[in-house]
Amino acid sequence: MTMYGSNINVGTPVMTADGKELGKVKEVSGTCFKVVAPMQPDYWLGSDLASTMTGGIIHLTIDKEMLGEAKMDSPDHTGYHRHDN
């Protein structure tokens, strides 16, 4: 199922394109969602990074090595966002 940022729900697991589990959706605000990740601070991602949902898991369009650039401090688009490029 293609999602492109739609239907993101609290509690849904999040996985990178290269198969690394990041955590679960903690909150959704506008076009962003917050990931609660084990043993690290929570962070926001743009929902346009969500590619598909299969088996109840959100799969992102980026690999884990690109995650640092994609993280945002808040849902108000102050950080990197793919559609800002």
Protein backbone atom coordinates (compact mmCIF):
# COMPACT_ATOMS: atom_id res chain seq x y z
CA MET A 1 0.00 0.00 0.00
CA THR A 2 1.48 3.33 -0.99
CA MET A 3 1.06 5.97 1.67
CA TYR A 4 3.29 8.99 0.97
CA GLY A 5 2.68 10.33 4.47
CA SER A 6 -1.00 9.55 4.78
CA ASN A 7 -2.55 7.37 7.47
CA ILE A 8 0.31 7.64 9.95
CA ASN A 9 -0.99 6.55 13.34
CA VAL A 10 0.39 6.69 16.88
CA GLY A 11 1.97 3.39 17.90
CA THR A 12 2.94 2.30 14.39
CA PRO A 13 6.50 0.91 14.10
CA VAL A 14 8.88 2.84 11.80
CA MET A 15 11.59 1.21 9.67
CA THR A 16 14.19 2.68 7.31
CA ALA A 17 14.45 1.74 3.63
CA ASP A 18 17.43 -0.49 4.48
CA GLY A 19 15.41 -2.44 7.07
CA LYS A 20 16.56 -0.84 10.35
CA GLU A 21 13.83 -0.48 13.00
CA LEU A 22 13.80 3.05 14.43
CA GLY A 23 10.99 2.99 16.98
CA LYS A 24 7.29 3.82 16.98
CA VAL A 25 5.18 6.85 16.09
CA LYS A 26 4.58 8.83 19.28
CA GLU A 27 2.71 11.83 17.88
CA VAL A 28 1.44 13.22 14.58
CA SER A 29 1.27 16.96 13.88
CA GLY A 30 0.46 18.43 10.48
CA THR A 31 2.84 16.93 7.94
CA CYS A 32 5.26 15.51 10.53
CA PHE A 33 5.39 12.64 13.00
CA LYS A 34 7.44 12.10 16.14
CA VAL A 35 9.39 8.87 16.59
CA VAL A 36 10.01 7.50 20.07
CA ALA A 37 13.26 5.59 19.72
CA PRO A 38 14.80 3.31 22.32
CA MET A 39 17.79 4.75 24.20
CA GLN A 40 17.86 8.09 22.33
CA PRO A 41 15.85 11.32 22.29
CA ASP A 42 12.55 11.42 20.42
CA TYR A 43 12.67 13.20 17.07
CA TRP A 44 10.39 14.46 14.32
CA LEU A 45 10.36 13.36 10.68
CA GLY A 46 8.45 14.75 7.73
CA SER A 47 5.57 12.47 6.76
CA ASP A 48 6.71 12.75 3.13
CA LEU A 49 9.54 10.38 4.15
CA ALA A 50 6.96 7.62 4.71
CA SER A 51 6.85 5.47 1.60
CA THR A 52 4.74 2.39 2.29
CA MET A 53 3.07 0.49 5.08
CA THR A 54 3.28 -3.28 5.03
CA GLY A 55 2.53 -5.62 7.88
CA GLY A 56 1.59 -2.66 10.09
CA ILE A 57 5.07 -1.07 9.73
CA ILE A 58 5.84 2.32 8.16
CA HIS A 59 8.74 2.02 5.72
CA LEU A 60 10.68 5.22 5.06
CA THR A 61 12.22 6.32 1.76
CA ILE A 62 15.65 6.85 3.39
CA ASP A 63 18.33 4.55 4.76
CA LYS A 64 19.47 4.79 8.38
CA GLU A 65 22.68 6.59 7.37
CA MET A 66 20.55 9.50 6.06
CA LEU A 67 18.45 9.75 9.22
CA GLY A 68 20.59 12.44 10.86
CA GLU A 69 19.84 14.88 8.05
CA ALA A 70 16.13 14.11 8.15
CA LYS A 71 15.56 14.58 11.90
CA MET A 72 13.78 17.73 13.01
CA ASP A 73 13.50 19.29 16.48
CA SER A 74 9.85 20.21 16.06
CA PRO A 75 7.00 19.72 13.59
CA ASP A 76 7.21 23.31 12.30
CA HIS A 77 9.61 22.54 9.42
CA THR A 78 12.72 24.07 10.97
CA GLY A 79 14.84 21.06 10.04
CA TYR A 80 15.55 19.17 6.84
CA HIS A 81 12.49 18.17 4.87
CA ARG A 82 12.68 16.40 1.52
CA HIS A 83 10.14 18.69 -0.10
CA ASP A 84 12.24 21.74 0.90
CA ASN A 85 14.97 20.71 -1.56
